[in-house]
Amino acid sequence: QRAGRLLRVADGVVLGPTAPALAMRALAGLPQPFTTSQARQVLGTTRRIAIPLLELLDERGWTRRIDAGHREVVRG
């Protein structure tokens, strides 16, 4: 949901419009599949921000959740 130029990804979690693309660049550099913890570390953020961002990337089809702890970047 867009609020002006910001991207609301969850209650109380609002990111800049380029955040998903920037996150993808960082996540693509990780060994695949990656853990939520690895994603949080490479993105330099907290779980509170990382989880909704990863869920957004999953919804867009940019990443895929493999199991409770792992995701992978979907290669185009």
PDB file of N, CA and C in Angstrom:
ATOM      1  N   GLN A   1       0.850  -1.182   0.000  1.00  0.00           N
ATOM      2  CA  GLN A   1       0.000   0.000   0.000  1.00  0.00           C
ATOM      3  C   GLN A   1       0.889   1.237   0.000  1.00  0.00           C
ATOM      4  N   ARG A   2       0.636   2.151  -0.895  1.00  0.00           N
ATOM      5  CA  ARG A   2       1.471   3.342  -1.007  1.00  0.00           C
ATOM      6  C   ARG A   2       0.859   4.508  -0.245  1.00  0.00           C
ATOM      7  N   ALA A   3       1.681   5.173   0.522  1.00  0.00           N
ATOM      8  CA  ALA A   3       1.277   6.393   1.224  1.00  0.00           C
ATOM      9  C   ALA A   3       2.179   7.495   0.698  1.00  0.00           C
ATOM     10  N   GLY A   4       1.730   8.201  -0.310  1.00  0.00           N
ATOM     11  CA  GLY A   4       2.589   9.202  -0.944  1.00  0.00           C
ATOM     12  C   GLY A   4       3.741   8.514  -1.641  1.00  0.00           C
ATOM     13  N   ARG A   5       4.956   8.868  -1.252  1.00  0.00           N
ATOM     14  CA  ARG A   5       6.130   8.256  -1.870  1.00  0.00           C
ATOM     15  C   ARG A   5       6.716   7.146  -1.021  1.00  0.00           C
ATOM     16  N   LEU A   6       6.016   6.783   0.043  1.00  0.00           N
ATOM     17  CA  LEU A   6       6.512   5.731   0.927  1.00  0.00           C
ATOM     18  C   LEU A   6       5.748   4.440   0.691  1.00  0.00           C
ATOM     19  N   LEU A   7       6.362   3.355   1.081  1.00  0.00           N
ATOM     20  CA  LEU A   7       5.778   2.033   0.902  1.00  0.00           C
ATOM     21  C   LEU A   7       5.492   1.450   2.281  1.00  0.00           C
ATOM     22  N   ARG A   8       4.213   1.253   2.589  1.00  0.00           N
ATOM     23  CA  ARG A   8       3.829   0.675   3.883  1.00  0.00           C
ATOM     24  C   ARG A   8       3.821  -0.850   3.726  1.00  0.00           C
ATOM     25  N   VAL A   9       4.715  -1.522   4.450  1.00  0.00           N
ATOM     26  CA  VAL A   9       4.820  -2.974   4.319  1.00  0.00           C
ATOM     27  C   VAL A   9       4.173  -3.723   5.481  1.00  0.00           C
ATOM     28  N   ALA A  10       3.893  -3.016   6.566  1.00  0.00           N
ATOM     29  CA  ALA A  10       3.215  -3.604   7.725  1.00  0.00           C
ATOM     30  C   ALA A  10       2.827  -2.466   8.654  1.00  0.00           C
ATOM     31  N   ASP A  11       2.029  -2.776   9.657  1.00  0.00           N
ATOM     32  CA  ASP A  11       1.682  -1.762  10.649  1.00  0.00           C
ATOM     33  C   ASP A  11       2.953  -1.206  11.273  1.00  0.00           C
ATOM     34  N   GLY A  12       3.143   0.083  11.169  1.00  0.00           N
ATOM     35  CA  GLY A  12       4.308   0.720  11.762  1.00  0.00           C
ATOM     36  C   GLY A  12       5.602   0.500  11.011  1.00  0.00           C
ATOM     37  N   VAL A  13       5.543  -0.102   9.819  1.00  0.00           N
ATOM     38  CA  VAL A  13       6.752  -0.330   9.014  1.00  0.00           C
ATOM     39  C   VAL A  13       6.553   0.336   7.657  1.00  0.00           C
ATOM     40  N   VAL A  14       7.249   1.470   7.477  1.00  0.00           N
ATOM     41  CA  VAL A  14       7.144   2.240   6.244  1.00  0.00           C
ATOM     42  C   VAL A  14       8.557   2.407   5.690  1.00  0.00           C
ATOM     43  N   LEU A  15       8.710   2.096   4.413  1.00  0.00           N
ATOM     44  CA  LEU A  15      10.031   2.144   3.778  1.00  0.00           C
ATOM     45  C   LEU A  15       9.997   3.076   2.579  1.00  0.00           C
ATOM     46  N   GLY A  16      11.166   3.470   2.134  1.00  0.00           N
ATOM     47  CA  GLY A  16      11.265   4.252   0.912  1.00  0.00           C
ATOM     48  C   GLY A  16      10.912   3.399  -0.289  1.00  0.00           C
ATOM     49  N   PRO A  17      10.517   4.030  -1.387  1.00  0.00           N
ATOM     50  CA  PRO A  17      10.064   3.279  -2.556  1.00  0.00           C
ATOM     51  C   PRO A  17      11.139   2.418  -3.213  1.00  0.00           C
ATOM     52  N   THR A  18      12.406   2.715  -2.981  1.00  0.00           N
ATOM     53  CA  THR A  18      13.481   1.923  -3.587  1.00  0.00           C
ATOM     54  C   THR A  18      13.940   0.777  -2.689  1.00  0.00           C
ATOM     55  N   ALA A  19      13.400   0.680  -1.483  1.00  0.00           N
ATOM     56  CA  ALA A  19      13.850  -0.343  -0.525  1.00  0.00           C
ATOM     57  C   ALA A  19      13.758  -1.764  -1.076  1.00  0.00           C
ATOM     58  N   PRO A  20      12.657  -2.167  -1.734  1.00  0.00           N
ATOM     59  CA  PRO A  20      12.618  -3.544  -2.246  1.00  0.00           C
ATOM     60  C   PRO A  20      13.730  -3.845  -3.251  1.00  0.00           C
ATOM     61  N   ALA A  21      13.974  -2.950  -4.180  1.00  0.00           N
ATOM     62  CA  ALA A  21      15.023  -3.188  -5.183  1.00  0.00           C
ATOM     63  C   ALA A  21      16.409  -3.216  -4.537  1.00  0.00           C
ATOM     64  N   LEU A  22      16.648  -2.319  -3.592  1.00  0.00           N
ATOM     65  CA  LEU A  22      17.938  -2.301  -2.898  1.00  0.00           C
ATOM     66  C   LEU A  22      18.119  -3.571  -2.079  1.00  0.00           C
ATOM     67  N   ALA A  23      17.043  -4.030  -1.446  1.00  0.00           N
ATOM     68  CA  ALA A  23      17.112  -5.275  -0.678  1.00  0.00           C
ATOM     69  C   ALA A  23      17.452  -6.442  -1.596  1.00  0.00           C
ATOM     70  N   MET A  24      16.856  -6.481  -2.775  1.00  0.00           N
ATOM     71  CA  MET A  24      17.117  -7.577  -3.708  1.00  0.00           C
ATOM     72  C   MET A  24      18.585  -7.633  -4.116  1.00  0.00           C
ATOM     73  N   ARG A  25      19.182  -6.486  -4.331  1.00  0.00           N
ATOM     74  CA  ARG A  25      20.610  -6.455  -4.677  1.00  0.00           C
ATOM     75  C   ARG A  25      21.442  -7.104  -3.579  1.00  0.00           C
ATOM     76  N   ALA A  26      21.126  -6.746  -2.334  1.00  0.00           N
ATOM     77  CA  ALA A  26      21.874  -7.292  -1.202  1.00  0.00           C
ATOM     78  C   ALA A  26      21.603  -8.787  -1.045  1.00  0.00           C
ATOM     79  N   LEU A  27      20.349  -9.199  -1.155  1.00  0.00           N
ATOM     80  CA  LEU A  27      19.982 -10.600  -0.960  1.00  0.00           C
ATOM     81  C   LEU A  27      20.546 -11.492  -2.057  1.00  0.00           C
ATOM     82  N   ALA A  28      20.654 -10.981  -3.266  1.00  0.00           N
ATOM     83  CA  ALA A  28      21.201 -11.763  -4.377  1.00  0.00           C
ATOM     84  C   ALA A  28      22.669 -12.105  -4.142  1.00  0.00           C
ATOM     85  N   GLY A  29      23.352 -11.315  -3.322  1.00  0.00           N
ATOM     86  CA  GLY A  29      24.755 -11.559  -3.025  1.00  0.00           C
ATOM     87  C   GLY A  29      24.989 -12.604  -1.950  1.00  0.00           C
ATOM     88  N   LEU A  30      23.923 -13.036  -1.291  1.00  0.00           N
ATOM     89  CA  LEU A  30      24.056 -14.051  -0.249  1.00  0.00           C
ATOM     90  C   LEU A  30      24.113 -15.444  -0.863  1.00  0.00           C
ATOM     91  N   PRO A  31      24.732 -16.402  -0.164  1.00  0.00           N
ATOM     92  CA  PRO A  31      24.626 -17.794  -0.595  1.00  0.00           C
ATOM     93  C   PRO A  31      23.148 -18.187  -0.578  1.00  0.00           C
ATOM     94  N   GLN A  32      22.728 -18.912  -1.589  1.00  0.00           N
ATOM     95  CA  GLN A  32      21.321 -19.308  -1.700  1.00  0.00           C
ATOM     96  C   GLN A  32      21.151 -20.758  -1.293  1.00  0.00           C
ATOM     97  N   PRO A  33      20.117 -21.154  -0.568  1.00  0.00           N
ATOM     98  CA  PRO A  33      19.140 -20.264   0.050  1.00  0.00           C
ATOM     99  C   PRO A  33      19.757 -19.558   1.260  1.00  0.00           C
ATOM    100  N   PHE A  34      19.102 -18.489   1.711  1.00  0.00           N
ATOM    101  CA  PHE A  34      19.602 -17.718   2.844  1.00  0.00           C
ATOM    102  C   PHE A  34      18.599 -17.783   3.991  1.00  0.00           C
ATOM    103  N   THR A  35      19.109 -17.534   5.194  1.00  0.00           N
ATOM    104  CA  THR A  35      18.238 -17.525   6.373  1.00  0.00           C
ATOM    105  C   THR A  35      17.725 -16.115   6.623  1.00  0.00           C
ATOM    106  N   THR A  36      16.688 -16.038   7.416  1.00  0.00           N
ATOM    107  CA  THR A  36      16.153 -14.733   7.806  1.00  0.00           C
ATOM    108  C   THR A  36      17.225 -13.931   8.536  1.00  0.00           C
ATOM    109  N   SER A  37      18.006 -14.601   9.354  1.00  0.00           N
ATOM    110  CA  SER A  37      19.077 -13.929  10.088  1.00  0.00           C
ATOM    111  C   SER A  37      20.130 -13.354   9.133  1.00  0.00           C
ATOM    112  N   GLN A  38      20.504 -14.130   8.113  1.00  0.00           N
ATOM    113  CA  GLN A  38      21.467 -13.621   7.120  1.00  0.00           C
ATOM    114  C   GLN A  38      20.889 -12.405   6.396  1.00  0.00           C
ATOM    115  N   ALA A  39      19.614 -12.476   6.048  1.00  0.00           N
ATOM    116  CA  ALA A  39      18.975 -11.350   5.366  1.00  0.00           C
ATOM    117  C   ALA A  39      18.978 -10.118   6.263  1.00  0.00           C
ATOM    118  N   ARG A  40      18.609 -10.302   7.511  1.00  0.00           N
ATOM    119  CA  ARG A  40      18.573  -9.186   8.457  1.00  0.00           C
ATOM    120  C   ARG A  40      19.944  -8.538   8.578  1.00  0.00           C
ATOM    121  N   GLN A  41      20.978  -9.370   8.653  1.00  0.00           N
ATOM    122  CA  GLN A  41      22.339  -8.844   8.797  1.00  0.00           C
ATOM    123  C   GLN A  41      22.791  -8.089   7.561  1.00  0.00           C
ATOM    124  N   VAL A  42      22.567  -8.658   6.366  1.00  0.00           N
ATOM    125  CA  VAL A  42      23.030  -7.995   5.145  1.00  0.00           C
ATOM    126  C   VAL A  42      22.233  -6.713   4.877  1.00  0.00           C
ATOM    127  N   LEU A  43      20.984  -6.684   5.327  1.00  0.00           N
ATOM    128  CA  LEU A  43      20.160  -5.484   5.147  1.00  0.00           C
ATOM    129  C   LEU A  43      20.408  -4.451   6.249  1.00  0.00           C
ATOM    130  N   GLY A  44      21.115  -4.869   7.296  1.00  0.00           N
ATOM    131  CA  GLY A  44      21.435  -3.946   8.382  1.00  0.00           C
ATOM    132  C   GLY A  44      20.197  -3.457   9.116  1.00  0.00           C
ATOM    133  N   THR A  45      19.277  -4.374   9.400  1.00  0.00           N
ATOM    134  CA  THR A  45      18.029  -3.979  10.039  1.00  0.00           C
ATOM    135  C   THR A  45      17.623  -4.998  11.089  1.00  0.00           C
ATOM    136  N   THR A  46      16.458  -4.778  11.672  1.00  0.00           N
ATOM    137  CA  THR A  46      15.931  -5.659  12.709  1.00  0.00           C
ATOM    138  C   THR A  46      14.958  -6.658  12.104  1.00  0.00           C
ATOM    139  N   ARG A  47      14.618  -7.683  12.878  1.00  0.00           N
ATOM    140  CA  ARG A  47      13.603  -8.652  12.427  1.00  0.00           C
ATOM    141  C   ARG A  47      12.261  -7.957  12.186  1.00  0.00           C
ATOM    142  N   ARG A  48      11.956  -6.939  12.985  1.00  0.00           N
ATOM    143  CA  ARG A  48      10.681  -6.220  12.861  1.00  0.00           C
ATOM    144  C   ARG A  48      10.517  -5.595  11.474  1.00  0.00           C
ATOM    145  N   ILE A  49      11.641  -5.195  10.876  1.00  0.00           N
ATOM    146  CA  ILE A  49      11.624  -4.612   9.530  1.00  0.00           C
ATOM    147  C   ILE A  49      11.854  -5.699   8.477  1.00  0.00           C
ATOM    148  N   ALA A  50      12.791  -6.598   8.739  1.00  0.00           N
ATOM    149  CA  ALA A  50      13.183  -7.602   7.740  1.00  0.00           C
ATOM    150  C   ALA A  50      12.041  -8.541   7.370  1.00  0.00           C
ATOM    151  N   ILE A  51      11.286  -9.012   8.352  1.00  0.00           N
ATOM    152  CA  ILE A  51      10.233  -9.996   8.060  1.00  0.00           C
ATOM    153  C   ILE A  51       9.180  -9.413   7.107  1.00  0.00           C
ATOM    154  N   PRO A  52       8.595  -8.244   7.390  1.00  0.00           N
ATOM    155  CA  PRO A  52       7.607  -7.708   6.435  1.00  0.00           C
ATOM    156  C   PRO A  52       8.204  -7.408   5.063  1.00  0.00           C
ATOM    157  N   LEU A  53       9.467  -6.971   5.028  1.00  0.00           N
ATOM    158  CA  LEU A  53      10.115  -6.705   3.747  1.00  0.00           C
ATOM    159  C   LEU A  53      10.279  -8.006   2.965  1.00  0.00           C
ATOM    160  N   LEU A  54      10.722  -9.069   3.620  1.00  0.00           N
ATOM    161  CA  LEU A  54      10.857 -10.364   2.950  1.00  0.00           C
ATOM    162  C   LEU A  54       9.504 -10.881   2.473  1.00  0.00           C
ATOM    163  N   GLU A  55       8.472 -10.684   3.269  1.00  0.00           N
ATOM    164  CA  GLU A  55       7.129 -11.113   2.868  1.00  0.00           C
ATOM    165  C   GLU A  55       6.662 -10.343   1.632  1.00  0.00           C
ATOM    166  N   LEU A  56       6.985  -9.051   1.567  1.00  0.00           N
ATOM    167  CA  LEU A  56       6.651  -8.253   0.383  1.00  0.00           C
ATOM    168  C   LEU A  56       7.379  -8.799  -0.848  1.00  0.00           C
ATOM    169  N   LEU A  57       8.656  -9.116  -0.697  1.00  0.00           N
ATOM    170  CA  LEU A  57       9.430  -9.654  -1.820  1.00  0.00           C
ATOM    171  C   LEU A  57       8.868 -10.997  -2.266  1.00  0.00           C
ATOM    172  N   ASP A  58       8.399 -11.817  -1.298  1.00  0.00           N
ATOM    173  CA  ASP A  58       7.748 -13.088  -1.632  1.00  0.00           C
ATOM    174  C   ASP A  58       6.477 -12.830  -2.446  1.00  0.00           C
ATOM    175  N   GLU A  59       5.656 -11.873  -1.993  1.00  0.00           N
ATOM    176  CA  GLU A  59       4.400 -11.554  -2.687  1.00  0.00           C
ATOM    177  C   GLU A  59       4.661 -11.098  -4.117  1.00  0.00           C
ATOM    178  N   ARG A  60       5.738 -10.366  -4.307  1.00  0.00           N
ATOM    179  CA  ARG A  60       6.078  -9.874  -5.648  1.00  0.00           C
ATOM    180  C   ARG A  60       6.693 -10.957  -6.524  1.00  0.00           C
ATOM    181  N   GLY A  61       7.017 -12.102  -5.927  1.00  0.00           N
ATOM    182  CA  GLY A  61       7.634 -13.183  -6.687  1.00  0.00           C
ATOM    183  C   GLY A  61       9.124 -12.991  -6.890  1.00  0.00           C
ATOM    184  N   TRP A  62       9.729 -12.095  -6.129  1.00  0.00           N
ATOM    185  CA  TRP A  62      11.162 -11.827  -6.254  1.00  0.00           C
ATOM    186  C   TRP A  62      11.978 -12.786  -5.411  1.00  0.00           C
ATOM    187  N   THR A  63      11.378 -13.234  -4.303  1.00  0.00           N
ATOM    188  CA  THR A  63      11.989 -14.260  -3.459  1.00  0.00           C
ATOM    189  C   THR A  63      10.947 -15.345  -3.238  1.00  0.00           C
ATOM    190  N   ARG A  64      11.429 -16.489  -2.763  1.00  0.00           N
ATOM    191  CA  ARG A  64      10.530 -17.620  -2.501  1.00  0.00           C
ATOM    192  C   ARG A  64      10.874 -18.169  -1.131  1.00  0.00           C
ATOM    193  N   ARG A  65       9.844 -18.351  -0.306  1.00  0.00           N
ATOM    194  CA  ARG A  65      10.047 -18.962   1.009  1.00  0.00           C
ATOM    195  C   ARG A  65      10.112 -20.467   0.827  1.00  0.00           C
ATOM    196  N   ILE A  66      11.203 -21.069   1.283  1.00  0.00           N
ATOM    197  CA  ILE A  66      11.410 -22.507   1.136  1.00  0.00           C
ATOM    198  C   ILE A  66      10.822 -23.255   2.326  1.00  0.00           C
ATOM    199  N   ASP A  67      11.128 -22.760   3.528  1.00  0.00           N
ATOM    200  CA  ASP A  67      10.593 -23.337   4.758  1.00  0.00           C
ATOM    201  C   ASP A  67      10.585 -22.239   5.811  1.00  0.00           C
ATOM    202  N   ALA A  68      10.382 -22.609   7.065  1.00  0.00           N
ATOM    203  CA  ALA A  68      10.252 -21.607   8.123  1.00  0.00           C
ATOM    204  C   ALA A  68      11.488 -20.711   8.260  1.00  0.00           C
ATOM    205  N   GLY A  69      12.635 -21.225   7.871  1.00  0.00           N
ATOM    206  CA  GLY A  69      13.855 -20.435   8.090  1.00  0.00           C
ATOM    207  C   GLY A  69      14.617 -20.019   6.863  1.00  0.00           C
ATOM    208  N   HIS A  70      14.180 -20.442   5.675  1.00  0.00           N
ATOM    209  CA  HIS A  70      14.979 -20.184   4.479  1.00  0.00           C
ATOM    210  C   HIS A  70      14.163 -19.610   3.325  1.00  0.00           C
ATOM    211  N   ARG A  71      14.825 -18.743   2.577  1.00  0.00           N
ATOM    212  CA  ARG A  71      14.259 -18.177   1.348  1.00  0.00           C
ATOM    213  C   ARG A  71      15.341 -18.207   0.292  1.00  0.00           C
ATOM    214  N   GLU A  72      14.930 -18.007  -0.955  1.00  0.00           N
ATOM    215  CA  GLU A  72      15.895 -17.875  -2.040  1.00  0.00           C
ATOM    216  C   GLU A  72      15.420 -16.787  -2.989  1.00  0.00           C
ATOM    217  N   VAL A  73      16.385 -16.171  -3.641  1.00  0.00           N
ATOM    218  CA  VAL A  73      16.086 -15.191  -4.675  1.00  0.00           C
ATOM    219  C   VAL A  73      15.605 -15.975  -5.895  1.00  0.00           C
ATOM    220  N   VAL A  74      14.509 -15.527  -6.485  1.00  0.00           N
ATOM    221  CA  VAL A  74      13.973 -16.160  -7.695  1.00  0.00           C
ATOM    222  C   VAL A  74      14.696 -15.556  -8.880  1.00  0.00           C
ATOM    223  N   ARG A  75      15.398 -16.376  -9.591  1.00  0.00           N
ATOM    224  CA  ARG A  75      16.159 -15.891 -10.761  1.00  0.00           C
ATOM    225  C   ARG A  75      15.201 -15.717 -11.930  1.00  0.00           C
ATOM    226  N   GLY A  76      15.333 -14.571 -12.617  1.00  0.00           N
ATOM    227  CA  GLY A  76      14.395 -14.253 -13.692  1.00  0.00           C
ATOM    228  C   GLY A  76      14.656 -14.900 -14.946  1.00  0.00           C
TER     229      GLY A  76
END
